[in-house]
PDB file of N, CA and C in Angstrom:
ATOM      1  N   UNK A   1     109.726 114.980 100.180  1.00  0.00           N
ATOM      2  CA  UNK A   1     108.348 115.368  99.970  1.00  0.00           C
ATOM      3  C   UNK A   1     107.648 115.453 101.322  1.00  0.00           C
ATOM      4  N   UNK A   2     107.004 116.577 101.577  1.00  0.00           N
ATOM      5  CA  UNK A   2     106.291 116.770 102.836  1.00  0.00           C
ATOM      6  C   UNK A   2     104.996 115.962 102.838  1.00  0.00           C
ATOM      7  N   UNK A   3     104.666 115.478 104.013  1.00  0.00           N
ATOM      8  CA  UNK A   3     103.428 114.728 104.197  1.00  0.00           C
ATOM      9  C   UNK A   3     102.900 115.039 105.589  1.00  0.00           C
ATOM     10  N   UNK A   4     101.658 114.699 105.831  1.00  0.00           N
ATOM     11  CA  UNK A   4     101.058 114.847 107.157  1.00  0.00           C
ATOM     12  C   UNK A   4     101.148 113.521 107.885  1.00  0.00           C
ATOM     13  N   UNK A   5     101.543 113.573 109.154  1.00  0.00           N
ATOM     14  CA  UNK A   5     101.692 112.383 109.977  1.00  0.00           C
ATOM     15  C   UNK A   5     100.850 112.531 111.232  1.00  0.00           C
ATOM     16  N   UNK A   6     100.207 111.446 111.646  1.00  0.00           N
ATOM     17  CA  UNK A   6      99.395 111.441 112.855  1.00  0.00           C
ATOM     18  C   UNK A   6     100.080 110.598 113.919  1.00  0.00           C
ATOM     19  N   UNK A   7     100.224 111.184 115.116  1.00  0.00           N
ATOM     20  CA  UNK A   7     100.841 110.503 116.244  1.00  0.00           C
ATOM     21  C   UNK A   7     100.435 111.227 117.517  1.00  0.00           C
ATOM     22  N   UNK A   8     100.682 110.587 118.637  1.00  0.00           N
ATOM     23  CA  UNK A   8     100.379 111.177 119.938  1.00  0.00           C
ATOM     24  C   UNK A   8     101.640 111.243 120.779  1.00  0.00           C
ATOM     25  N   UNK A   9     101.747 112.299 121.555  1.00  0.00           N
ATOM     26  CA  UNK A   9     102.804 112.413 122.551  1.00  0.00           C
ATOM     27  C   UNK A   9     102.142 112.300 123.919  1.00  0.00           C
ATOM     28  N   UNK A  10     102.680 111.434 124.764  1.00  0.00           N
ATOM     29  CA  UNK A  10     102.163 111.255 126.112  1.00  0.00           C
ATOM     30  C   UNK A  10     103.001 112.096 127.058  1.00  0.00           C
ATOM     31  N   UNK A  11     102.316 112.955 127.814  1.00  0.00           N
ATOM     32  CA  UNK A  11     102.975 113.886 128.723  1.00  0.00           C
ATOM     33  C   UNK A  11     102.480 113.606 130.144  1.00  0.00           C
ATOM     34  N   UNK A  12     103.377 113.201 131.041  1.00  0.00           N
ATOM     35  CA  UNK A  12     102.957 112.962 132.428  1.00  0.00           C
ATOM     36  C   UNK A  12     102.437 114.257 133.058  1.00  0.00           C
ATOM     37  N   UNK A  13     101.321 114.159 133.750  1.00  0.00           N
ATOM     38  CA  UNK A  13     100.748 115.322 134.428  1.00  0.00           C
ATOM     39  C   UNK A  13      99.760 114.836 135.480  1.00  0.00           C
ATOM     40  N   UNK A  14      99.608 115.642 136.511  1.00  0.00           N
ATOM     41  CA  UNK A  14      98.608 115.332 137.521  1.00  0.00           C
ATOM     42  C   UNK A  14      97.258 115.871 137.040  1.00  0.00           C
ATOM     43  N   UNK A  15      96.231 115.558 137.763  1.00  0.00           N
ATOM     44  CA  UNK A  15      94.887 116.024 137.431  1.00  0.00           C
ATOM     45  C   UNK A  15      94.875 117.549 137.341  1.00  0.00           C
ATOM     46  N   UNK A  16      94.167 118.089 136.353  1.00  0.00           N
ATOM     47  CA  UNK A  16      94.158 119.535 136.143  1.00  0.00           C
ATOM     48  C   UNK A  16      92.744 120.090 136.221  1.00  0.00           C
ATOM     49  N   UNK A  17      92.680 121.347 136.641  1.00  0.00           N
ATOM     50  CA  UNK A  17      91.403 122.067 136.612  1.00  0.00           C
ATOM     51  C   UNK A  17      91.157 122.534 135.178  1.00  0.00           C
ATOM     52  N   UNK A  18      89.966 123.009 134.929  1.00  0.00           N
ATOM     53  CA  UNK A  18      89.644 123.533 133.596  1.00  0.00           C
ATOM     54  C   UNK A  18      90.578 124.684 133.245  1.00  0.00           C
ATOM     55  N   UNK A  19      90.842 125.576 134.189  1.00  0.00           N
ATOM     56  CA  UNK A  19      91.743 126.707 133.928  1.00  0.00           C
ATOM     57  C   UNK A  19      93.161 126.231 133.608  1.00  0.00           C
ATOM     58  N   UNK A  20      93.632 125.195 134.289  1.00  0.00           N
ATOM     59  CA  UNK A  20      94.960 124.660 134.010  1.00  0.00           C
ATOM     60  C   UNK A  20      95.021 124.019 132.622  1.00  0.00           C
ATOM     61  N   UNK A  21      93.948 123.370 132.232  1.00  0.00           N
ATOM     62  CA  UNK A  21      93.885 122.787 130.886  1.00  0.00           C
ATOM     63  C   UNK A  21      93.932 123.886 129.833  1.00  0.00           C
ATOM     64  N   UNK A  22      93.188 124.954 130.049  1.00  0.00           N
ATOM     65  CA  UNK A  22      93.194 126.079 129.101  1.00  0.00           C
ATOM     66  C   UNK A  22      94.567 126.746 129.052  1.00  0.00           C
ATOM     67  N   UNK A  23      95.215 126.896 130.216  1.00  0.00           N
ATOM     68  CA  UNK A  23      96.569 127.467 130.254  1.00  0.00           C
ATOM     69  C   UNK A  23      97.555 126.573 129.496  1.00  0.00           C
ATOM     70  N   UNK A  24      97.397 125.266 129.640  1.00  0.00           N
ATOM     71  CA  UNK A  24      98.247 124.314 128.927  1.00  0.00           C
ATOM     72  C   UNK A  24      98.057 124.442 127.424  1.00  0.00           C
ATOM     73  N   UNK A  25      96.811 124.506 126.985  1.00  0.00           N
ATOM     74  CA  UNK A  25      96.526 124.658 125.549  1.00  0.00           C
ATOM     75  C   UNK A  25      97.111 125.968 125.022  1.00  0.00           C
ATOM     76  N   UNK A  26      97.003 127.033 125.802  1.00  0.00           N
ATOM     77  CA  UNK A  26      97.585 128.317 125.394  1.00  0.00           C
ATOM     78  C   UNK A  26      99.102 128.226 125.278  1.00  0.00           C
ATOM     79  N   UNK A  27      99.756 127.609 126.267  1.00  0.00           N
ATOM     80  CA  UNK A  27     101.216 127.484 126.255  1.00  0.00           C
ATOM     81  C   UNK A  27     101.674 126.668 125.052  1.00  0.00           C
ATOM     82  N   UNK A  28     100.940 125.618 124.737  1.00  0.00           N
ATOM     83  CA  UNK A  28     101.292 124.801 123.572  1.00  0.00           C
ATOM     84  C   UNK A  28     101.083 125.580 122.278  1.00  0.00           C
ATOM     85  N   UNK A  29     100.025 126.355 122.204  1.00  0.00           N
ATOM     86  CA  UNK A  29      99.761 127.155 121.011  1.00  0.00           C
ATOM     87  C   UNK A  29     100.827 128.205 120.764  1.00  0.00           C
ATOM     88  N   UNK A  30     101.331 128.815 121.829  1.00  0.00           N
ATOM     89  CA  UNK A  30     102.358 129.852 121.707  1.00  0.00           C
ATOM     90  C   UNK A  30     103.626 129.300 121.050  1.00  0.00           C
ATOM     91  N   UNK A  31     103.961 128.034 121.323  1.00  0.00           N
ATOM     92  CA  UNK A  31     105.192 127.451 120.767  1.00  0.00           C
ATOM     93  C   UNK A  31     104.966 126.733 119.439  1.00  0.00           C
ATOM     94  N   UNK A  32     103.745 126.804 118.905  1.00  0.00           N
ATOM     95  CA  UNK A  32     103.506 126.248 117.574  1.00  0.00           C
ATOM     96  C   UNK A  32     102.752 124.938 117.523  1.00  0.00           C
ATOM     97  N   UNK A  33     102.208 124.502 118.634  1.00  0.00           N
ATOM     98  CA  UNK A  33     101.472 123.235 118.641  1.00  0.00           C
ATOM     99  C   UNK A  33      99.993 123.433 118.324  1.00  0.00           C
ATOM    100  N   UNK A  34      99.710 124.262 117.351  1.00  0.00           N
ATOM    101  CA  UNK A  34      98.316 124.489 116.952  1.00  0.00           C
ATOM    102  C   UNK A  34      97.773 123.321 116.138  1.00  0.00           C
ATOM    103  N   UNK A  35      98.639 122.357 115.838  1.00  0.00           N
ATOM    104  CA  UNK A  35      98.236 121.159 115.104  1.00  0.00           C
ATOM    105  C   UNK A  35      98.014 119.975 116.039  1.00  0.00           C
ATOM    106  N   UNK A  36      97.837 120.264 117.332  1.00  0.00           N
ATOM    107  CA  UNK A  36      97.626 119.211 118.325  1.00  0.00           C
ATOM    108  C   UNK A  36      96.326 119.437 119.085  1.00  0.00           C
ATOM    109  N   UNK A  37      95.702 118.343 119.462  1.00  0.00           N
ATOM    110  CA  UNK A  37      94.540 118.370 120.349  1.00  0.00           C
ATOM    111  C   UNK A  37      94.978 117.784 121.679  1.00  0.00           C
ATOM    112  N   UNK A  38      94.478 118.372 122.757  1.00  0.00           N
ATOM    113  CA  UNK A  38      94.824 117.912 124.095  1.00  0.00           C
ATOM    114  C   UNK A  38      93.669 117.095 124.646  1.00  0.00           C
ATOM    115  N   UNK A  39      94.000 115.916 125.182  1.00  0.00           N
ATOM    116  CA  UNK A  39      92.964 115.140 125.861  1.00  0.00           C
ATOM    117  C   UNK A  39      93.586 114.404 127.032  1.00  0.00           C
ATOM    118  N   UNK A  40      92.732 113.960 127.921  1.00  0.00           N
ATOM    119  CA  UNK A  40      93.189 113.248 129.107  1.00  0.00           C
ATOM    120  C   UNK A  40      93.734 111.875 128.753  1.00  0.00           C
ATOM    121  N   UNK A  41      94.625 111.404 129.589  1.00  0.00           N
ATOM    122  CA  UNK A  41      95.253 110.092 129.425  1.00  0.00           C
ATOM    123  C   UNK A  41      95.491 109.562 130.835  1.00  0.00           C
ATOM    124  N   UNK A  42      95.514 108.254 131.007  1.00  0.00           N
ATOM    125  CA  UNK A  42      95.688 107.715 132.360  1.00  0.00           C
ATOM    126  C   UNK A  42      97.044 108.079 132.959  1.00  0.00           C
ATOM    127  N   UNK A  43      97.981 108.546 132.144  1.00  0.00           N
ATOM    128  CA  UNK A  43      99.285 108.995 132.652  1.00  0.00           C
ATOM    129  C   UNK A  43      99.396 110.515 132.708  1.00  0.00           C
ATOM    130  N   UNK A  44      98.377 111.215 132.278  1.00  0.00           N
ATOM    131  CA  UNK A  44      98.405 112.674 132.291  1.00  0.00           C
ATOM    132  C   UNK A  44      97.678 113.259 131.103  1.00  0.00           C
ATOM    133  N   UNK A  45      98.448 113.649 130.062  1.00  0.00           N
ATOM    134  CA  UNK A  45      97.860 114.234 128.851  1.00  0.00           C
ATOM    135  C   UNK A  45      98.300 113.463 127.625  1.00  0.00           C
ATOM    136  N   UNK A  46      97.423 113.431 126.662  1.00  0.00           N
ATOM    137  CA  UNK A  46      97.768 112.911 125.341  1.00  0.00           C
ATOM    138  C   UNK A  46      97.610 114.062 124.369  1.00  0.00           C
ATOM    139  N   UNK A  47      98.669 114.364 123.646  1.00  0.00           N
ATOM    140  CA  UNK A  47      98.645 115.412 122.629  1.00  0.00           C
ATOM    141  C   UNK A  47      98.570 114.723 121.278  1.00  0.00           C
ATOM    142  N   UNK A  48      97.422 114.833 120.621  1.00  0.00           N
ATOM    143  CA  UNK A  48      97.213 114.191 119.327  1.00  0.00           C
ATOM    144  C   UNK A  48      97.632 115.157 118.232  1.00  0.00           C
ATOM    145  N   UNK A  49      98.666 114.805 117.507  1.00  0.00           N
ATOM    146  CA  UNK A  49      99.215 115.664 116.461  1.00  0.00           C
ATOM    147  C   UNK A  49      98.830 115.181 115.072  1.00  0.00           C
ATOM    148  N   UNK A  50      98.643 116.132 114.192  1.00  0.00           N
ATOM    149  CA  UNK A  50      98.649 115.904 112.749  1.00  0.00           C
ATOM    150  C   UNK A  50      99.643 116.929 112.217  1.00  0.00           C
ATOM    151  N   UNK A  51     100.891 116.498 112.079  1.00  0.00           N
ATOM    152  CA  UNK A  51     101.988 117.414 111.762  1.00  0.00           C
ATOM    153  C   UNK A  51     102.606 117.085 110.421  1.00  0.00           C
ATOM    154  N   UNK A  52     102.914 118.125 109.676  1.00  0.00           N
ATOM    155  CA  UNK A  52     103.588 117.982 108.387  1.00  0.00           C
ATOM    156  C   UNK A  52     105.089 117.897 108.600  1.00  0.00           C
ATOM    157  N   UNK A  53     105.734 117.135 107.725  1.00  0.00           N
ATOM    158  CA  UNK A  53     107.186 117.032 107.779  1.00  0.00           C
ATOM    159  C   UNK A  53     107.700 116.273 106.580  1.00  0.00           C
ATOM    160  N   UNK A  54     109.004 116.357 106.374  1.00  0.00           N
ATOM    161  CA  UNK A  54     109.640 115.613 105.283  1.00  0.00           C
ATOM    162  C   UNK A  54     109.687 114.118 105.582  1.00  0.00           C
ATOM    163  N   UNK A  55     109.582 113.761 106.876  1.00  0.00           N
ATOM    164  CA  UNK A  55     109.542 112.360 107.282  1.00  0.00           C
ATOM    165  C   UNK A  55     108.810 112.282 108.618  1.00  0.00           C
ATOM    166  N   UNK A  56     108.422 111.071 108.985  1.00  0.00           N
ATOM    167  CA  UNK A  56     107.785 110.862 110.281  1.00  0.00           C
ATOM    168  C   UNK A  56     108.716 111.279 111.406  1.00  0.00           C
ATOM    169  N   UNK A  57     109.984 110.919 111.294  1.00  0.00           N
ATOM    170  CA  UNK A  57     110.952 111.234 112.340  1.00  0.00           C
ATOM    171  C   UNK A  57     111.093 112.747 112.535  1.00  0.00           C
ATOM    172  N   UNK A  58     111.127 113.484 111.436  1.00  0.00           N
ATOM    173  CA  UNK A  58     111.243 114.947 111.532  1.00  0.00           C
ATOM    174  C   UNK A  58     109.989 115.545 112.156  1.00  0.00           C
ATOM    175  N   UNK A  59     108.824 115.049 111.783  1.00  0.00           N
ATOM    176  CA  UNK A  59     107.570 115.557 112.347  1.00  0.00           C
ATOM    177  C   UNK A  59     107.512 115.307 113.852  1.00  0.00           C
ATOM    178  N   UNK A  60     107.876 114.102 114.274  1.00  0.00           N
ATOM    179  CA  UNK A  60     107.858 113.768 115.699  1.00  0.00           C
ATOM    180  C   UNK A  60     108.887 114.599 116.458  1.00  0.00           C
ATOM    181  N   UNK A  61     110.099 114.702 115.922  1.00  0.00           N
ATOM    182  CA  UNK A  61     111.156 115.472 116.595  1.00  0.00           C
ATOM    183  C   UNK A  61     110.757 116.931 116.765  1.00  0.00           C
ATOM    184  N   UNK A  62     110.131 117.517 115.762  1.00  0.00           N
ATOM    185  CA  UNK A  62     109.731 118.927 115.887  1.00  0.00           C
ATOM    186  C   UNK A  62     108.605 119.084 116.905  1.00  0.00           C
ATOM    187  N   UNK A  63     107.688 118.123 116.971  1.00  0.00           N
ATOM    188  CA  UNK A  63     106.613 118.188 117.956  1.00  0.00           C
ATOM    189  C   UNK A  63     107.161 118.058 119.373  1.00  0.00           C
ATOM    190  N   UNK A  64     108.072 117.117 119.573  1.00  0.00           N
ATOM    191  CA  UNK A  64     108.683 116.952 120.899  1.00  0.00           C
ATOM    192  C   UNK A  64     109.414 118.225 121.303  1.00  0.00           C
ATOM    193  N   UNK A  65     110.165 118.807 120.391  1.00  0.00           N
ATOM    194  CA  UNK A  65     110.890 120.048 120.674  1.00  0.00           C
ATOM    195  C   UNK A  65     109.928 121.162 121.085  1.00  0.00           C
ATOM    196  N   UNK A  66     108.832 121.297 120.357  1.00  0.00           N
ATOM    197  CA  UNK A  66     107.841 122.331 120.685  1.00  0.00           C
ATOM    198  C   UNK A  66     107.226 122.099 122.059  1.00  0.00           C
ATOM    199  N   UNK A  67     106.845 120.862 122.347  1.00  0.00           N
ATOM    200  CA  UNK A  67     106.226 120.540 123.639  1.00  0.00           C
ATOM    201  C   UNK A  67     107.210 120.821 124.777  1.00  0.00           C
ATOM    202  N   UNK A  68     108.468 120.479 124.590  1.00  0.00           N
ATOM    203  CA  UNK A  68     109.473 120.753 125.618  1.00  0.00           C
ATOM    204  C   UNK A  68     109.698 122.248 125.796  1.00  0.00           C
ATOM    205  N   UNK A  69     109.640 123.020 124.709  1.00  0.00           N
ATOM    206  CA  UNK A  69     109.778 124.487 124.829  1.00  0.00           C
ATOM    207  C   UNK A  69     108.617 125.084 125.611  1.00  0.00           C
ATOM    208  N   UNK A  70     107.458 124.409 125.602  1.00  0.00           N
ATOM    209  CA  UNK A  70     106.308 124.876 126.370  1.00  0.00           C
ATOM    210  C   UNK A  70     106.428 124.491 127.844  1.00  0.00           C
ATOM    211  N   UNK A  71     107.477 123.734 128.191  1.00  0.00           N
ATOM    212  CA  UNK A  71     107.720 123.392 129.586  1.00  0.00           C
ATOM    213  C   UNK A  71     107.239 122.016 130.012  1.00  0.00           C
ATOM    214  N   UNK A  72     106.930 121.156 129.062  1.00  0.00           N
ATOM    215  CA  UNK A  72     106.425 119.823 129.377  1.00  0.00           C
ATOM    216  C   UNK A  72     107.434 118.757 128.955  1.00  0.00           C
ATOM    217  N   UNK A  73     107.440 117.654 129.688  1.00  0.00           N
ATOM    218  CA  UNK A  73     108.301 116.522 129.355  1.00  0.00           C
ATOM    219  C   UNK A  73     107.469 115.492 128.595  1.00  0.00           C
ATOM    220  N   UNK A  74     108.049 114.897 127.582  1.00  0.00           N
ATOM    221  CA  UNK A  74     107.374 113.867 126.800  1.00  0.00           C
ATOM    222  C   UNK A  74     107.839 112.501 127.288  1.00  0.00           C
ATOM    223  N   UNK A  75     106.883 111.667 127.691  1.00  0.00           N
ATOM    224  CA  UNK A  75     107.231 110.325 128.179  1.00  0.00           C
ATOM    225  C   UNK A  75     107.434 109.362 127.021  1.00  0.00           C
ATOM    226  N   UNK A  76     106.583 109.478 125.992  1.00  0.00           N
ATOM    227  CA  UNK A  76     106.713 108.572 124.855  1.00  0.00           C
ATOM    228  C   UNK A  76     105.834 109.032 123.704  1.00  0.00           C
ATOM    229  N   UNK A  77     106.060 108.389 122.568  1.00  0.00           N
ATOM    230  CA  UNK A  77     105.276 108.617 121.346  1.00  0.00           C
ATOM    231  C   UNK A  77     104.406 107.388 121.130  1.00  0.00           C
ATOM    232  N   UNK A  78     103.155 107.608 120.723  1.00  0.00           N
ATOM    233  CA  UNK A  78     102.261 106.512 120.376  1.00  0.00           C
ATOM    234  C   UNK A  78     101.691 106.774 118.988  1.00  0.00           C
ATOM    235  N   UNK A  79     101.468 105.689 118.273  1.00  0.00           N
ATOM    236  CA  UNK A  79     100.865 105.797 116.940  1.00  0.00           C
ATOM    237  C   UNK A  79      99.833 104.706 116.789  1.00  0.00           C
ATOM    238  N   UNK A  80      98.772 105.026 116.058  1.00  0.00           N
ATOM    239  CA  UNK A  80      97.818 103.998 115.678  1.00  0.00           C
ATOM    240  C   UNK A  80      98.507 103.059 114.689  1.00  0.00           C
ATOM    241  N   UNK A  81      98.151 101.813 114.714  1.00  0.00           N
ATOM    242  CA  UNK A  81      98.803 100.820 113.838  1.00  0.00           C
ATOM    243  C   UNK A  81      98.729 101.232 112.374  1.00  0.00           C
ATOM    244  N   UNK A  82      97.563 101.692 111.935  1.00  0.00           N
ATOM    245  CA  UNK A  82      97.405 102.101 110.536  1.00  0.00           C
ATOM    246  C   UNK A  82      98.329 103.255 110.175  1.00  0.00           C
ATOM    247  N   UNK A  83      98.473 104.234 111.070  1.00  0.00           N
ATOM    248  CA  UNK A  83      99.350 105.378 110.806  1.00  0.00           C
ATOM    249  C   UNK A  83     100.802 104.942 110.729  1.00  0.00           C
ATOM    250  N   UNK A  84     101.190 104.010 111.585  1.00  0.00           N
ATOM    251  CA  UNK A  84     102.570 103.524 111.559  1.00  0.00           C
ATOM    252  C   UNK A  84     102.871 102.780 110.265  1.00  0.00           C
ATOM    253  N   UNK A  85     101.921 102.012 109.778  1.00  0.00           N
ATOM    254  CA  UNK A  85     102.116 101.280 108.542  1.00  0.00           C
ATOM    255  C   UNK A  85     102.215 102.231 107.346  1.00  0.00           C
ATOM    256  N   UNK A  86     101.403 103.288 107.340  1.00  0.00           N
ATOM    257  CA  UNK A  86     101.433 104.250 106.239  1.00  0.00           C
ATOM    258  C   UNK A  86     102.726 105.036 106.229  1.00  0.00           C
ATOM    259  N   UNK A  87     103.294 105.321 107.398  1.00  0.00           N
ATOM    260  CA  UNK A  87     104.521 106.104 107.487  1.00  0.00           C
ATOM    261  C   UNK A  87     105.732 105.306 107.025  1.00  0.00           C
ATOM    262  N   UNK A  88     105.653 103.987 107.090  1.00  0.00           N
ATOM    263  CA  UNK A  88     106.797 103.134 106.739  1.00  0.00           C
ATOM    264  C   UNK A  88     106.898 102.942 105.299  1.00  0.00           C
TER     265      UNK A  88
END
């Protein structure tokens, strides 16, 4: 059964200009990350996802794959405690 899962992917990045942020959002959108919001993080970028999948693991794996296809490396996955409890 498909469900929506909320999680964040942390992507290392240096400080970006507004144009670089817009280019990043465009690159992510092209590969299917239209279900993510981009925001700053002390390590670079945080991509906040609300992704549908048959399981949490499938949703996270597909998001990581999409982000990597856009040319970014994922350092780690983060979840709010409540979201992690609901997914289990």
